[in-house]
């Protein structure tokens, strides 16, 4: 929350040392190492490493900024500057729900200052502060990319308007779903605040050392696939640079599986430059694959047999000399009972 009216220096936990941060962030080390493998230099992972710190603490304490700097091999001053520049990093403890109101010119013309003034009065805080119960933090931000429905307002990750949906597991009452001209107004935000207070009363959350409800911070870096080969030359990467002039071959497209009884007919299209085609089958939902057939590139079809009720997945991998295309889409098939045989009409003797 850069540029807020609260001084971050006054909100740093005295018992949170760099050693404590290192201990708490140890569980993120596999994800950190994966990021190191993906970038040519460690400093490129700084934004995502800071996200991990916010994921752990709900905000980014200064000792966590130092940890992120050391992790990405940049100066502490550089990491502080990055944290100050991006408003999505919270530099002070935040409430369970973060209310962001855009203050840039487009939203200012549409009444953002009046909306901020109303929220400050209704919540009893100034911008940059958190309500006494720790439920709401109100901040001013620059452009939320909601200019057309301004003034832009976001609560947590939910853009308010044109058709707001409930946050969490609750449901906002139908009468609150009507936004005149699709623009957030004071009445609508009051409805949201009441709704979220009621939801919290029904299902209180864990509180932190300051007594506030802990914010629900998502895994901002996403579900990283670990132990990839990474970027050639990056720290810990196993990937090798591609030869000059390399380009990937075209994959097989439009793979389809047509089932008739226990027979599976596979068809696809592949590039005319393909020199080899491998059809693979999986019997465990794609965990392992085995070669099923190697038709010629001109065939563009293959067959298989499945017992009634048995299922399998199929994919096609095209080769072009020493280059291998990425696998095609995966299709599934299930063996069916044989079609009933139509009765033969009895012959009538003359």
Protein backbone atom coordinates (compact mmCIF):
# COMPACT_ATOMS: atom_id res chain seq x y z
CA UNK A 1 0.00 0.00 0.00
CA UNK A 2 2.41 2.59 -1.21
CA UNK A 3 1.63 6.19 -0.54
CA UNK A 4 -0.82 5.45 2.30
CA UNK A 5 -1.32 7.80 5.23
CA UNK A 6 0.14 5.25 7.65
CA UNK A 7 3.88 5.21 8.33
CA UNK A 8 5.08 1.63 7.72
CA UNK A 9 7.99 2.15 10.12
CA UNK A 10 5.52 2.42 13.01
CA UNK A 11 3.93 -0.96 12.28
CA UNK A 12 6.91 -3.32 12.15
CA UNK A 13 6.70 -6.21 14.67
CA UNK A 14 9.58 -5.91 17.11
CA UNK A 15 9.87 -9.67 17.48
CA UNK A 16 10.03 -10.34 13.73
CA UNK A 17 13.71 -10.66 12.91
CA UNK A 18 15.33 -11.65 9.63
CA UNK A 19 16.13 -15.05 11.15
CA UNK A 20 12.44 -15.60 11.95
CA UNK A 21 11.47 -14.64 8.39
CA UNK A 22 14.04 -17.03 6.94
CA UNK A 23 12.63 -19.83 9.10
CA UNK A 24 9.02 -19.13 8.11
CA UNK A 25 9.85 -18.79 4.41
CA UNK A 26 11.85 -22.04 4.29
CA UNK A 27 8.79 -23.96 3.06
CA UNK A 28 8.73 -21.76 -0.04
CA UNK A 29 12.28 -22.73 -1.05
CA UNK A 30 11.21 -25.27 -3.74
CA UNK A 31 9.13 -22.55 -5.41
CA UNK A 32 11.98 -20.05 -5.12
CA UNK A 33 14.40 -22.49 -6.75
CA UNK A 34 11.91 -23.11 -9.55
CA UNK A 35 11.78 -19.36 -10.23
CA UNK A 36 15.59 -19.23 -10.25
CA UNK A 37 15.55 -21.88 -12.97
CA UNK A 38 13.12 -19.88 -15.09
CA UNK A 39 14.97 -16.57 -15.31
CA UNK A 40 18.42 -15.70 -16.66
CA UNK A 41 19.22 -13.84 -13.42
CA UNK A 42 17.87 -14.28 -9.91
CA UNK A 43 16.79 -10.65 -9.61
CA UNK A 44 14.09 -11.27 -12.21
CA UNK A 45 12.16 -13.32 -9.62
CA UNK A 46 11.92 -10.45 -7.12
CA UNK A 47 8.26 -9.55 -7.78
CA UNK A 48 7.10 -13.13 -7.30
CA UNK A 49 9.29 -13.69 -4.26
CA UNK A 50 7.76 -10.61 -2.64
CA UNK A 51 4.34 -12.10 -3.42
CA UNK A 52 5.38 -15.21 -1.50
CA UNK A 53 6.23 -13.07 1.53
CA UNK A 54 2.82 -11.40 1.34
CA UNK A 55 1.21 -14.81 0.98
CA UNK A 56 2.85 -15.93 4.22
CA UNK A 57 2.35 -12.82 6.35
CA UNK A 58 -0.71 -11.18 4.74
CA UNK A 59 1.50 -8.13 4.15
CA UNK A 60 5.21 -7.48 3.50
CA UNK A 61 7.16 -6.62 6.68
CA UNK A 62 10.48 -4.86 6.18
CA UNK A 63 12.42 -7.89 7.38
CA UNK A 64 10.61 -9.91 4.69
CA UNK A 65 11.65 -7.34 2.08
CA UNK A 66 15.26 -7.88 3.18
CA UNK A 67 14.77 -11.64 2.85
CA UNK A 68 13.39 -11.21 -0.67
CA UNK A 69 16.34 -8.97 -1.57
CA UNK A 70 18.88 -11.48 -0.29
CA UNK A 71 17.04 -14.31 -2.05
CA UNK A 72 17.12 -12.50 -5.39
CA UNK A 73 20.64 -11.08 -4.93
CA UNK A 74 19.67 -7.40 -5.06
CA UNK A 75 20.31 -4.61 -2.57
CA UNK A 76 17.83 -4.01 0.23
CA UNK A 77 17.27 -0.50 -1.14
CA UNK A 78 16.31 -1.93 -4.54
CA UNK A 79 13.76 -4.30 -3.00
CA UNK A 80 12.33 -1.50 -0.85
CA UNK A 81 11.95 0.63 -3.99
CA UNK A 82 10.09 -2.14 -5.81
CA UNK A 83 7.76 -2.67 -2.85
CA UNK A 84 7.08 1.06 -2.64
CA UNK A 85 6.40 1.38 -6.37
CA UNK A 86 3.74 -1.34 -6.68
CA UNK A 87 0.59 -0.61 -4.68
CA UNK A 88 -0.44 -4.27 -4.50
CA UNK A 89 2.27 -4.91 -1.90
CA UNK A 90 0.93 -4.16 1.58
CA UNK A 91 3.58 -2.45 3.71
CA UNK A 92 1.48 -2.43 6.87
CA UNK A 93 -0.84 -5.07 8.35
CA UNK A 94 -4.07 -5.09 6.37
CA UNK A 95 -7.62 -6.00 7.26
CA UNK A 96 -9.42 -9.10 6.09
CA UNK A 97 -10.92 -7.18 3.15
CA UNK A 98 -9.03 -4.60 1.11
CA UNK A 99 -11.14 -1.81 -0.45
CA UNK A 100 -9.32 -0.02 -3.26
CA UNK A 101 -10.66 3.15 -4.86
CA UNK A 102 -9.05 4.64 -7.97
CA UNK A 103 -8.06 8.28 -7.67
CA UNK A 104 -6.75 8.98 -11.17
CA UNK A 105 -8.26 11.68 -13.37
CA UNK A 106 -10.85 9.56 -15.18
CA UNK A 107 -12.32 8.25 -11.92
CA UNK A 108 -11.89 11.61 -10.18
CA UNK A 109 -14.18 13.17 -12.79
CA UNK A 110 -16.69 10.40 -12.11
CA UNK A 111 -16.78 11.10 -8.37
CA UNK A 112 -14.07 9.01 -6.73
CA UNK A 113 -13.26 11.69 -4.14
CA UNK A 114 -16.88 11.79 -2.99
CA UNK A 115 -16.86 7.99 -2.79
CA UNK A 116 -13.65 7.96 -0.76
CA UNK A 117 -15.04 10.61 1.58
CA UNK A 118 -18.19 8.54 2.09
CA UNK A 119 -16.19 5.36 2.82
CA UNK A 120 -13.95 7.18 5.29
CA UNK A 121 -17.00 8.36 7.21
CA UNK A 122 -18.88 5.05 7.08
CA UNK A 123 -15.83 2.99 8.06
CA UNK A 124 -14.45 5.53 10.54
CA UNK A 125 -10.94 5.54 9.04
CA UNK A 126 -8.79 7.61 6.73
CA UNK A 127 -7.43 6.24 3.47
CA UNK A 128 -4.56 3.90 4.23
CA UNK A 129 -5.99 2.86 7.59
CA UNK A 130 -7.78 -0.24 8.86
CA UNK A 131 -11.01 -0.41 10.85
CA UNK A 132 -10.67 -1.19 14.55
CA UNK A 133 -12.13 -4.66 14.09
CA UNK A 134 -9.55 -5.42 11.41
CA UNK A 135 -12.16 -6.23 8.76
CA UNK A 136 -11.57 -3.45 6.24
CA UNK A 137 -8.57 -1.55 4.92
CA UNK A 138 -9.29 1.44 2.68
CA UNK A 139 -6.65 2.62 0.21
CA UNK A 140 -6.34 5.00 -2.71
CA UNK A 141 -4.78 3.46 -5.82
CA UNK A 142 -3.86 4.41 -9.34
CA UNK A 143 -5.86 2.98 -12.27
CA UNK A 144 -7.72 -0.28 -11.76
CA UNK A 145 -8.51 -0.53 -15.49
CA UNK A 146 -12.19 0.15 -14.70
CA UNK A 147 -12.40 3.54 -16.39
CA UNK A 148 -15.58 2.70 -18.30
CA UNK A 149 -17.47 1.84 -15.10
CA UNK A 150 -15.74 4.40 -12.86
CA UNK A 151 -15.12 5.38 -10.24
CA UNK A 152 -13.12 2.16 -10.13
CA UNK A 153 -13.55 0.17 -6.92
CA UNK A 154 -12.23 -3.26 -5.98
CA UNK A 155 -12.90 -5.26 -2.84
CA UNK A 156 -10.16 -7.86 -2.52
CA UNK A 157 -9.98 -9.27 -6.08
CA UNK A 158 -13.58 -8.41 -7.01
CA UNK A 159 -14.25 -5.44 -9.30
CA UNK A 160 -17.43 -3.71 -8.12
CA UNK A 161 -19.65 -3.32 -11.19
CA UNK A 162 -21.21 -3.73 -13.61
CA UNK A 163 -22.70 -6.89 -12.04
CA UNK A 164 -21.09 -7.52 -8.66
CA UNK A 165 -20.97 -11.06 -7.35
CA UNK A 166 -20.63 -12.19 -3.78
CA UNK A 167 -17.18 -12.62 -2.28
CA UNK A 168 -16.45 -15.90 -0.54
CA UNK A 169 -19.18 -18.46 -0.05
CA UNK A 170 -22.06 -16.07 0.67
CA UNK A 171 -24.52 -14.50 -1.72
CA UNK A 172 -25.26 -10.80 -1.98
CA UNK A 173 -28.99 -10.13 -1.89
CA UNK A 174 -30.69 -9.60 -5.24
CA UNK A 175 -31.66 -6.02 -4.46
CA UNK A 176 -27.97 -5.11 -4.23
CA UNK A 177 -27.16 -6.33 -7.72
CA UNK A 178 -28.63 -3.27 -9.44
CA UNK A 179 -26.03 -0.61 -10.16
CA UNK A 180 -27.44 2.51 -11.87
CA UNK A 181 -25.60 2.98 -15.17
CA UNK A 182 -23.13 0.27 -14.04
CA UNK A 183 -21.25 2.77 -11.85
CA UNK A 184 -20.50 1.99 -8.16
CA UNK A 185 -22.15 4.37 -5.71
CA UNK A 186 -22.26 4.92 -1.96
CA UNK A 187 -25.39 2.84 -1.43
CA UNK A 188 -23.92 -0.15 -3.25
CA UNK A 189 -20.67 -0.04 -1.27
CA UNK A 190 -22.61 0.24 2.00
CA UNK A 191 -24.46 -2.93 0.96
CA UNK A 192 -21.17 -4.70 0.30
CA UNK A 193 -19.76 -3.64 3.67
CA UNK A 194 -22.88 -4.82 5.51
CA UNK A 195 -22.84 -8.09 3.58
CA UNK A 196 -19.19 -8.78 4.44
CA UNK A 197 -19.71 -7.88 8.10
CA UNK A 198 -22.64 -10.29 8.27
CA UNK A 199 -20.58 -13.01 6.59
CA UNK A 200 -17.78 -12.52 9.11
CA UNK A 201 -20.26 -12.72 11.99
CA UNK A 202 -21.50 -16.06 10.67
CA UNK A 203 -18.01 -17.46 10.15
CA UNK A 204 -15.30 -15.68 12.16
CA UNK A 205 -11.76 -16.20 10.95
CA UNK A 206 -8.46 -16.66 12.73
CA UNK A 207 -7.01 -13.49 14.20
CA UNK A 208 -3.40 -12.36 14.24
CA UNK A 209 -1.32 -11.03 17.11
CA UNK A 210 -2.98 -7.61 16.77
CA UNK A 211 -6.45 -9.13 17.12
CA UNK A 212 -7.38 -8.49 13.48
CA UNK A 213 -8.94 -11.05 11.21
CA UNK A 214 -6.16 -12.44 9.05
CA UNK A 215 -6.56 -11.61 5.35
CA UNK A 216 -7.13 -14.46 2.93
CA UNK A 217 -4.13 -14.04 0.66
CA UNK A 218 -4.17 -16.33 -2.39
CA UNK A 219 -1.14 -18.02 -3.84
CA UNK A 220 -0.24 -15.06 -6.02
CA UNK A 221 2.45 -16.91 -7.96
CA UNK A 222 0.01 -19.59 -9.04
CA UNK A 223 0.55 -23.31 -8.82
CA UNK A 224 4.11 -23.55 -10.07
CA UNK A 225 5.14 -26.73 -11.81
CA UNK A 226 8.34 -27.58 -9.97
CA UNK A 227 11.60 -29.03 -11.24
CA UNK A 228 11.27 -27.88 -14.84
CA UNK A 229 14.38 -27.67 -17.00
CA UNK A 230 14.16 -23.91 -16.75
CA UNK A 231 15.87 -21.24 -18.84
CA UNK A 232 19.25 -22.08 -20.44
CA UNK A 233 21.98 -20.52 -18.35
CA UNK A 234 19.76 -19.78 -15.35
CA UNK A 235 20.77 -20.86 -11.85
CA UNK A 236 20.09 -24.59 -11.43
CA UNK A 237 18.55 -24.97 -14.90
CA UNK A 238 19.07 -28.13 -16.95
CA UNK A 239 17.79 -26.75 -20.26
CA UNK A 240 20.25 -26.42 -23.15
CA UNK A 241 20.28 -23.60 -25.72
CA UNK A 242 18.64 -24.53 -29.03
CA UNK A 243 20.75 -24.57 -32.18
CA UNK A 244 20.77 -21.44 -34.30
CA UNK A 245 17.88 -21.55 -36.76
CA UNK A 246 15.87 -24.05 -34.73
CA UNK A 247 12.10 -23.86 -34.97
CA UNK A 248 9.56 -26.28 -33.46
CA UNK A 249 7.75 -28.66 -35.80
CA UNK A 250 3.99 -28.47 -36.21
CA UNK A 251 2.01 -30.69 -33.83
CA UNK A 252 -0.76 -33.05 -34.86
CA UNK A 253 -4.13 -31.30 -34.81
CA UNK A 254 -7.84 -32.18 -34.59
CA UNK A 255 -7.32 -35.56 -32.95
CA UNK A 256 -10.67 -37.39 -32.62
CA UNK A 257 -11.69 -40.80 -31.27
CA UNK A 258 -14.77 -42.47 -32.72
CA UNK A 259 -16.05 -45.51 -30.81
CA UNK A 260 -18.16 -48.29 -32.31
CA UNK A 261 -18.59 -51.12 -29.82
CA UNK A 262 -15.11 -52.16 -28.70
CA UNK A 263 -13.41 -50.57 -31.70
CA UNK A 264 -11.77 -47.13 -31.47
CA UNK A 265 -10.95 -45.24 -34.66
CA UNK A 266 -8.46 -42.39 -34.22
CA UNK A 267 -8.09 -39.65 -36.81
CA UNK A 268 -6.03 -36.45 -36.97
CA UNK A 269 -4.18 -34.19 -39.35
CA UNK A 270 -0.46 -33.61 -39.40
CA UNK A 271 1.94 -31.42 -41.36
CA UNK A 272 3.14 -32.78 -44.69
CA UNK A 273 6.72 -32.30 -43.53
CA UNK A 274 6.33 -34.83 -40.70
CA UNK A 275 8.68 -37.79 -41.02
CA UNK A 276 7.34 -39.94 -38.19
CA UNK A 277 4.08 -40.25 -36.24
CA UNK A 278 3.70 -41.95 -32.85
CA UNK A 279 0.27 -42.68 -31.39
CA UNK A 280 0.33 -43.15 -27.62
CA UNK A 281 -2.20 -44.60 -25.19
CA UNK A 282 -2.64 -44.06 -21.45
CA UNK A 283 -4.69 -46.24 -19.11
CA UNK A 284 -4.19 -44.08 -15.99
CA UNK A 285 -5.57 -40.69 -17.03
CA UNK A 286 -2.32 -39.49 -18.55
CA UNK A 287 0.09 -40.39 -15.75
CA UNK A 288 2.00 -42.80 -18.01
CA UNK A 289 1.98 -43.32 -21.77
CA UNK A 290 2.90 -46.24 -24.00
CA UNK A 291 3.33 -46.48 -27.75
CA UNK A 292 0.24 -47.80 -29.52
CA UNK A 293 1.07 -47.41 -33.20
CA UNK A 294 3.47 -45.77 -35.64
CA UNK A 295 1.45 -45.11 -38.80
CA UNK A 296 3.02 -43.31 -41.73
CA UNK A 297 2.52 -39.54 -41.84
CA UNK A 298 0.17 -40.00 -44.82
CA UNK A 299 -2.16 -42.41 -43.00
CA UNK A 300 -3.43 -39.97 -40.35
CA UNK A 301 -5.46 -42.73 -38.72
CA UNK A 302 -5.01 -45.59 -36.25
CA UNK A 303 -7.19 -48.11 -34.45
CA UNK A 304 -7.47 -49.69 -31.02
CA UNK A 305 -9.68 -52.12 -29.11
CA UNK A 306 -11.25 -51.47 -25.72
CA UNK A 307 -13.19 -53.85 -23.51
CA UNK A 308 -16.74 -52.81 -22.71
CA UNK A 309 -16.61 -50.13 -20.00
CA UNK A 310 -12.81 -49.74 -20.20
CA UNK A 311 -11.46 -46.23 -20.86
CA UNK A 312 -8.22 -44.94 -22.32
CA UNK A 313 -6.67 -41.66 -23.39
CA UNK A 314 -4.87 -41.07 -26.67
CA UNK A 315 -2.45 -38.51 -28.07
CA UNK A 316 -0.35 -38.14 -31.20
CA UNK A 317 3.25 -36.90 -31.38
CA UNK A 318 4.62 -35.73 -34.72
CA UNK A 319 8.34 -35.88 -35.57
CA UNK A 320 10.23 -33.99 -38.23
CA UNK A 321 13.70 -35.50 -38.60
CA UNK A 322 15.44 -34.91 -35.26
CA UNK A 323 12.80 -32.49 -33.95
CA UNK A 324 9.78 -33.54 -31.89
CA UNK A 325 6.57 -31.53 -31.79
CA UNK A 326 4.62 -31.03 -28.62
CA UNK A 327 1.93 -33.69 -28.06
CA UNK A 328 -1.50 -33.21 -29.56
CA UNK A 329 -4.57 -32.67 -27.42
CA UNK A 330 -5.59 -35.71 -25.41
CA UNK A 331 -8.86 -37.47 -26.26
CA UNK A 332 -10.66 -40.14 -24.26
CA UNK A 333 -12.63 -43.18 -25.36
CA UNK A 334 -14.69 -45.83 -23.57
CA UNK A 335 -15.54 -49.27 -24.92
CA UNK A 336 -19.23 -49.71 -25.69
CA UNK A 337 -21.47 -52.81 -25.91
CA UNK A 338 -21.89 -54.07 -29.47
CA UNK A 339 -24.78 -52.58 -31.39
CA UNK A 340 -27.86 -54.86 -31.40
CA UNK A 341 -28.27 -56.88 -34.55
CA UNK A 342 -31.45 -56.06 -36.42
CA UNK A 343 -33.73 -59.13 -36.76
CA UNK A 344 -33.78 -60.72 -40.18
CA UNK A 345 -37.20 -60.87 -41.82
CA UNK A 346 -38.46 -64.46 -42.21
CA UNK A 347 -38.74 -65.71 -45.75
CA UNK A 348 -42.25 -66.56 -46.85
CA UNK A 349 -42.61 -69.67 -49.03
CA UNK A 350 -44.53 -69.11 -52.26
